[in-house]
């Protein structure tokens, strides 16, 4: 049985002290990650569905929404494969998730919205 989870990759610390978030695909003891392009500090991460980021993260709502959508999209692909009875590997699921991803489009739009909300928040201060 394959599983999908959203995780904070604590073994890959970035230069700014944050850790990248990823969607972990596990099937038959094989693991593959889809990196979301976003990162968080360990204290900002709750890791519990559906609120992966806690209130300490400045863009909690937007990023939780994005992570939840990506999780749902990959999980839907998994359900489709299971219901069709198709034999697949974690690499097949990873490739299928990446190929159908609107992640890159969403990422650029969300980053732009985050920049605008950050500017608006700074102007209020």
N, C-alpha and C. Protein backbone atom coordinates (compact mmCIF):
# COMPACT_ATOMS: atom_id res chain seq x y z
N UNK A 1 0.84 -1.19 0.00
CA UNK A 1 0.00 0.00 0.00
C UNK A 1 0.88 1.24 0.00
N UNK A 2 0.66 2.10 -0.93
CA UNK A 2 1.42 3.35 -1.04
C UNK A 2 0.85 4.41 -0.11
N UNK A 3 1.73 5.28 0.37
CA UNK A 3 1.29 6.38 1.22
C UNK A 3 1.87 7.70 0.71
N UNK A 4 1.17 8.75 1.02
CA UNK A 4 1.58 10.11 0.65
C UNK A 4 1.55 10.95 1.92
N UNK A 5 2.64 11.66 2.19
CA UNK A 5 2.69 12.54 3.36
C UNK A 5 3.44 13.81 3.02
N UNK A 6 3.11 14.88 3.69
CA UNK A 6 3.85 16.13 3.55
C UNK A 6 4.81 16.18 4.73
N UNK A 7 6.10 16.39 4.43
CA UNK A 7 7.12 16.35 5.47
C UNK A 7 8.07 17.54 5.34
N UNK A 8 8.78 17.80 6.42
CA UNK A 8 9.86 18.77 6.44
C UNK A 8 11.16 17.96 6.41
N UNK A 9 11.97 18.15 5.40
CA UNK A 9 13.20 17.36 5.23
C UNK A 9 14.30 17.92 6.12
N UNK A 10 14.37 17.43 7.35
CA UNK A 10 15.31 17.96 8.34
C UNK A 10 16.75 17.54 8.06
N UNK A 11 16.96 16.60 7.18
CA UNK A 11 18.33 16.19 6.85
C UNK A 11 18.96 17.10 5.79
N UNK A 12 18.18 18.02 5.25
CA UNK A 12 18.68 18.93 4.21
C UNK A 12 18.53 20.38 4.65
N UNK A 13 19.31 20.80 5.61
CA UNK A 13 19.23 22.17 6.11
C UNK A 13 19.76 23.14 5.06
N UNK A 14 19.01 24.20 4.83
CA UNK A 14 19.40 25.22 3.86
C UNK A 14 20.32 26.24 4.52
N UNK A 15 20.92 27.09 3.72
CA UNK A 15 21.87 28.08 4.24
C UNK A 15 21.24 29.05 5.23
N UNK A 16 19.96 29.36 5.04
CA UNK A 16 19.28 30.30 5.93
C UNK A 16 18.73 29.65 7.19
N UNK A 17 19.03 28.37 7.40
CA UNK A 17 18.58 27.66 8.60
C UNK A 17 17.21 27.02 8.46
N UNK A 18 16.59 27.17 7.31
CA UNK A 18 15.28 26.56 7.08
C UNK A 18 15.47 25.16 6.51
N UNK A 19 14.37 24.41 6.49
CA UNK A 19 14.36 23.07 5.93
C UNK A 19 13.32 23.02 4.81
N UNK A 20 13.62 22.33 3.71
CA UNK A 20 12.66 22.26 2.61
C UNK A 20 11.47 21.36 2.95
N UNK A 21 10.30 21.75 2.46
CA UNK A 21 9.12 20.88 2.61
C UNK A 21 8.99 20.04 1.35
N UNK A 22 8.49 18.82 1.53
CA UNK A 22 8.38 17.90 0.41
C UNK A 22 7.18 16.98 0.61
N UNK A 23 6.75 16.39 -0.47
CA UNK A 23 5.72 15.36 -0.41
C UNK A 23 6.45 14.03 -0.51
N UNK A 24 6.28 13.20 0.51
CA UNK A 24 6.97 11.91 0.54
C UNK A 24 6.05 10.82 0.01
N UNK A 25 6.53 10.09 -1.00
CA UNK A 25 5.81 8.96 -1.57
C UNK A 25 6.50 7.69 -1.09
N UNK A 26 5.75 6.78 -0.50
CA UNK A 26 6.30 5.51 -0.02
C UNK A 26 5.47 4.37 -0.58
N UNK A 27 6.15 3.39 -1.16
CA UNK A 27 5.46 2.22 -1.71
C UNK A 27 6.46 1.06 -1.76
N UNK A 28 6.08 -0.07 -1.18
CA UNK A 28 6.94 -1.25 -1.12
C UNK A 28 8.34 -0.94 -0.57
N UNK A 29 8.37 -0.18 0.50
CA UNK A 29 9.60 0.20 1.21
C UNK A 29 10.53 1.09 0.39
N UNK A 30 10.05 1.63 -0.69
CA UNK A 30 10.81 2.59 -1.51
C UNK A 30 10.24 3.97 -1.25
N UNK A 31 11.14 4.95 -1.16
CA UNK A 31 10.72 6.32 -0.84
C UNK A 31 11.20 7.26 -1.94
N UNK A 32 10.35 8.20 -2.29
CA UNK A 32 10.68 9.22 -3.28
C UNK A 32 10.06 10.53 -2.80
N UNK A 33 10.73 11.64 -3.06
CA UNK A 33 10.26 12.95 -2.60
C UNK A 33 9.96 13.86 -3.77
N UNK A 34 8.91 14.65 -3.61
CA UNK A 34 8.60 15.74 -4.53
C UNK A 34 8.77 17.02 -3.72
N UNK A 35 9.78 17.79 -4.04
CA UNK A 35 10.04 19.01 -3.28
C UNK A 35 9.10 20.11 -3.74
N UNK A 36 8.58 20.86 -2.79
CA UNK A 36 7.57 21.87 -3.08
C UNK A 36 8.17 23.21 -3.46
N UNK A 37 9.43 23.43 -3.12
CA UNK A 37 10.04 24.72 -3.39
C UNK A 37 9.90 25.68 -2.23
N UNK A 38 9.29 25.25 -1.15
CA UNK A 38 9.11 26.10 0.02
C UNK A 38 9.84 25.50 1.21
N UNK A 39 10.18 26.36 2.15
CA UNK A 39 10.91 25.90 3.32
C UNK A 39 10.35 26.58 4.57
N UNK A 40 10.72 26.02 5.72
CA UNK A 40 10.25 26.56 6.99
C UNK A 40 11.27 26.23 8.07
N UNK A 41 11.24 27.01 9.11
CA UNK A 41 12.03 26.69 10.29
C UNK A 41 11.36 25.55 11.03
N UNK A 42 12.13 24.83 11.81
CA UNK A 42 11.57 23.69 12.54
C UNK A 42 10.48 24.12 13.51
N UNK A 43 10.65 25.29 14.12
CA UNK A 43 9.65 25.77 15.09
C UNK A 43 8.35 26.24 14.42
N UNK A 44 8.39 26.48 13.10
CA UNK A 44 7.19 26.90 12.36
C UNK A 44 6.40 25.70 11.83
N UNK A 45 6.94 24.51 11.95
CA UNK A 45 6.36 23.32 11.35
C UNK A 45 5.62 22.49 12.39
N UNK A 46 4.34 22.22 12.14
CA UNK A 46 3.59 21.33 13.02
C UNK A 46 3.53 19.94 12.42
N UNK A 47 3.46 19.85 11.09
CA UNK A 47 3.49 18.57 10.39
C UNK A 47 2.21 17.77 10.49
N UNK A 48 1.17 18.35 11.03
CA UNK A 48 -0.09 17.62 11.20
C UNK A 48 -1.09 18.07 10.15
N UNK A 49 -1.70 17.09 9.52
CA UNK A 49 -2.72 17.35 8.51
C UNK A 49 -3.92 18.00 9.17
N UNK A 50 -4.53 19.02 8.65
CA UNK A 50 -4.26 19.75 7.42
C UNK A 50 -3.42 21.00 7.61
N UNK A 51 -3.04 21.33 8.84
CA UNK A 51 -2.26 22.55 9.09
C UNK A 51 -0.80 22.18 9.32
N UNK A 52 -0.02 22.18 8.25
CA UNK A 52 1.37 21.77 8.34
C UNK A 52 2.23 22.84 8.99
N UNK A 53 1.90 24.09 8.74
CA UNK A 53 2.64 25.20 9.34
C UNK A 53 1.80 25.80 10.46
N UNK A 54 2.45 26.14 11.55
CA UNK A 54 1.72 26.75 12.65
C UNK A 54 1.71 28.27 12.52
N UNK A 55 1.14 28.95 13.48
CA UNK A 55 0.95 30.40 13.40
C UNK A 55 2.25 31.19 13.49
N UNK A 56 3.37 30.55 13.75
CA UNK A 56 4.65 31.26 13.81
C UNK A 56 5.19 31.58 12.42
N UNK A 57 4.68 30.91 11.40
CA UNK A 57 5.12 31.18 10.03
C UNK A 57 4.36 32.39 9.49
N UNK A 58 5.05 33.35 8.87
CA UNK A 58 4.38 34.58 8.42
C UNK A 58 3.34 34.36 7.32
N UNK A 59 3.49 33.33 6.50
CA UNK A 59 2.56 33.07 5.41
C UNK A 59 1.86 31.74 5.60
N UNK A 60 1.44 31.49 6.79
CA UNK A 60 0.87 30.20 7.19
C UNK A 60 -0.33 29.80 6.32
N UNK A 61 -1.27 30.68 6.13
CA UNK A 61 -2.50 30.33 5.43
C UNK A 61 -2.24 29.97 3.97
N UNK A 62 -1.47 30.81 3.28
CA UNK A 62 -1.20 30.56 1.87
C UNK A 62 -0.42 29.27 1.65
N UNK A 63 0.60 29.05 2.46
CA UNK A 63 1.42 27.86 2.27
C UNK A 63 0.70 26.59 2.71
N UNK A 64 -0.10 26.66 3.77
CA UNK A 64 -0.89 25.49 4.16
C UNK A 64 -1.86 25.12 3.04
N UNK A 65 -2.46 26.11 2.42
CA UNK A 65 -3.38 25.87 1.31
C UNK A 65 -2.64 25.21 0.14
N UNK A 66 -1.47 25.74 -0.18
CA UNK A 66 -0.68 25.18 -1.27
C UNK A 66 -0.27 23.74 -0.97
N UNK A 67 0.23 23.47 0.23
CA UNK A 67 0.67 22.12 0.60
C UNK A 67 -0.50 21.14 0.58
N UNK A 68 -1.65 21.60 1.04
CA UNK A 68 -2.83 20.74 1.05
C UNK A 68 -3.28 20.40 -0.37
N UNK A 69 -3.24 21.38 -1.27
CA UNK A 69 -3.61 21.13 -2.67
C UNK A 69 -2.65 20.16 -3.33
N UNK A 70 -1.36 20.33 -3.10
CA UNK A 70 -0.37 19.43 -3.68
C UNK A 70 -0.52 18.02 -3.13
N UNK A 71 -0.75 17.92 -1.83
CA UNK A 71 -0.99 16.62 -1.20
C UNK A 71 -2.21 15.94 -1.84
N UNK A 72 -3.29 16.69 -1.98
CA UNK A 72 -4.52 16.15 -2.55
C UNK A 72 -4.32 15.70 -3.99
N UNK A 73 -3.59 16.47 -4.76
CA UNK A 73 -3.35 16.15 -6.16
C UNK A 73 -2.58 14.83 -6.29
N UNK A 74 -1.51 14.69 -5.50
CA UNK A 74 -0.71 13.46 -5.56
C UNK A 74 -1.50 12.28 -5.02
N UNK A 75 -2.26 12.50 -3.95
CA UNK A 75 -3.08 11.43 -3.38
C UNK A 75 -4.16 10.99 -4.37
N UNK A 76 -4.73 11.92 -5.12
CA UNK A 76 -5.71 11.56 -6.15
C UNK A 76 -5.09 10.67 -7.23
N UNK A 77 -3.84 10.98 -7.62
CA UNK A 77 -3.15 10.13 -8.60
C UNK A 77 -2.97 8.72 -8.04
N UNK A 78 -2.63 8.64 -6.78
CA UNK A 78 -2.46 7.33 -6.13
C UNK A 78 -3.77 6.55 -6.10
N UNK A 79 -4.86 7.22 -5.77
CA UNK A 79 -6.17 6.57 -5.72
C UNK A 79 -6.57 6.08 -7.11
N UNK A 80 -6.32 6.88 -8.15
CA UNK A 80 -6.63 6.47 -9.52
C UNK A 80 -5.88 5.20 -9.90
N UNK A 81 -4.59 5.16 -9.56
CA UNK A 81 -3.80 3.97 -9.88
C UNK A 81 -4.31 2.75 -9.13
N UNK A 82 -4.67 2.92 -7.86
CA UNK A 82 -5.16 1.81 -7.05
C UNK A 82 -6.51 1.29 -7.55
N UNK A 83 -7.42 2.18 -7.91
CA UNK A 83 -8.75 1.75 -8.35
C UNK A 83 -8.71 1.07 -9.71
N UNK A 84 -7.77 1.46 -10.56
CA UNK A 84 -7.64 0.82 -11.87
C UNK A 84 -6.94 -0.53 -11.77
N UNK A 85 -6.35 -0.81 -10.61
CA UNK A 85 -5.65 -2.08 -10.43
C UNK A 85 -4.35 -2.16 -11.20
N UNK A 86 -3.77 -1.03 -11.49
CA UNK A 86 -2.52 -0.99 -12.25
C UNK A 86 -1.35 -1.21 -11.29
N UNK A 87 -0.44 -2.10 -11.68
CA UNK A 87 0.78 -2.30 -10.90
C UNK A 87 1.69 -1.10 -11.14
N UNK A 88 2.20 -0.51 -10.08
CA UNK A 88 3.06 0.66 -10.22
C UNK A 88 4.14 0.64 -9.15
N UNK A 89 5.19 1.40 -9.42
CA UNK A 89 6.26 1.58 -8.44
C UNK A 89 6.20 3.01 -7.94
N UNK A 90 6.97 3.29 -6.91
CA UNK A 90 7.01 4.65 -6.38
C UNK A 90 7.59 5.61 -7.43
N UNK A 91 8.45 5.09 -8.29
CA UNK A 91 9.02 5.92 -9.35
C UNK A 91 7.98 6.28 -10.40
N UNK A 92 7.07 5.35 -10.68
CA UNK A 92 5.96 5.63 -11.60
C UNK A 92 5.06 6.72 -11.04
N UNK A 93 4.73 6.59 -9.75
CA UNK A 93 3.87 7.59 -9.11
C UNK A 93 4.55 8.95 -9.08
N UNK A 94 5.84 8.96 -8.82
CA UNK A 94 6.60 10.21 -8.79
C UNK A 94 6.59 10.87 -10.18
N UNK A 95 6.87 10.09 -11.21
CA UNK A 95 6.88 10.63 -12.57
C UNK A 95 5.51 11.14 -12.98
N UNK A 96 4.48 10.40 -12.63
CA UNK A 96 3.11 10.79 -12.97
C UNK A 96 2.73 12.09 -12.24
N UNK A 97 3.15 12.22 -11.00
CA UNK A 97 2.84 13.42 -10.22
C UNK A 97 3.58 14.63 -10.74
N UNK A 98 4.83 14.44 -11.13
CA UNK A 98 5.62 15.55 -11.65
C UNK A 98 5.10 15.99 -13.01
N UNK A 99 4.79 15.03 -13.88
CA UNK A 99 4.34 15.36 -15.23
C UNK A 99 3.02 16.11 -15.24
N UNK A 100 2.11 15.77 -14.35
CA UNK A 100 0.80 16.41 -14.33
C UNK A 100 0.77 17.62 -13.41
N UNK A 101 1.90 17.97 -12.89
CA UNK A 101 1.94 19.02 -11.88
C UNK A 101 1.73 20.40 -12.47
N UNK A 102 0.92 21.15 -11.79
CA UNK A 102 0.80 22.58 -12.09
C UNK A 102 1.61 23.33 -11.04
N UNK A 103 2.46 22.57 -10.37
CA UNK A 103 3.28 23.09 -9.27
C UNK A 103 4.09 24.31 -9.68
N UNK A 104 4.75 24.24 -10.83
CA UNK A 104 5.62 25.33 -11.23
C UNK A 104 4.81 26.60 -11.52
N UNK A 105 3.64 26.43 -12.11
CA UNK A 105 2.76 27.57 -12.35
C UNK A 105 2.26 28.14 -11.03
N UNK A 106 1.79 27.28 -10.14
CA UNK A 106 1.29 27.73 -8.85
C UNK A 106 2.39 28.38 -8.02
N UNK A 107 3.57 27.78 -8.07
CA UNK A 107 4.68 28.29 -7.27
C UNK A 107 4.99 29.73 -7.63
N UNK A 108 5.06 30.04 -8.91
CA UNK A 108 5.37 31.40 -9.33
C UNK A 108 4.26 32.36 -8.92
N UNK A 109 3.00 31.93 -9.04
CA UNK A 109 1.89 32.79 -8.64
C UNK A 109 1.86 33.00 -7.14
N UNK A 110 2.08 31.96 -6.37
CA UNK A 110 2.06 32.09 -4.92
C UNK A 110 3.22 32.95 -4.44
N UNK A 111 4.41 32.77 -5.05
CA UNK A 111 5.54 33.60 -4.65
C UNK A 111 5.26 35.07 -4.91
N UNK A 112 4.61 35.38 -6.01
CA UNK A 112 4.26 36.76 -6.32
C UNK A 112 3.26 37.30 -5.29
N UNK A 113 2.25 36.48 -4.95
CA UNK A 113 1.27 36.89 -3.95
C UNK A 113 1.92 37.08 -2.58
N UNK A 114 2.87 36.22 -2.24
CA UNK A 114 3.56 36.34 -0.96
C UNK A 114 4.38 37.62 -0.90
N UNK A 115 5.04 37.97 -2.01
CA UNK A 115 5.80 39.21 -2.06
C UNK A 115 4.88 40.41 -1.88
N UNK A 116 3.71 40.37 -2.54
CA UNK A 116 2.77 41.48 -2.42
C UNK A 116 2.21 41.58 -1.01
N UNK A 117 1.88 40.44 -0.40
CA UNK A 117 1.35 40.48 0.97
C UNK A 117 2.41 40.94 1.95
N UNK A 118 3.67 40.57 1.70
CA UNK A 118 4.77 41.01 2.56
C UNK A 118 4.95 42.53 2.46
N UNK A 119 4.86 43.05 1.23
CA UNK A 119 4.97 44.51 1.03
C UNK A 119 3.83 45.22 1.76
N UNK A 120 2.62 44.70 1.61
CA UNK A 120 1.45 45.30 2.25
C UNK A 120 1.59 45.26 3.77
N UNK A 121 2.11 44.15 4.28
CA UNK A 121 2.28 44.03 5.73
C UNK A 121 3.32 45.01 6.25
N UNK A 122 4.41 45.20 5.48
CA UNK A 122 5.45 46.14 5.88
C UNK A 122 4.95 47.58 5.81
N UNK A 123 4.09 47.86 4.84
CA UNK A 123 3.54 49.22 4.72
C UNK A 123 2.63 49.54 5.90
N UNK A 124 1.95 48.53 6.43
CA UNK A 124 1.08 48.74 7.59
C UNK A 124 1.88 49.04 8.85
N UNK A 125 3.09 48.52 8.90
CA UNK A 125 3.94 48.73 10.09
C UNK A 125 4.53 50.08 10.00
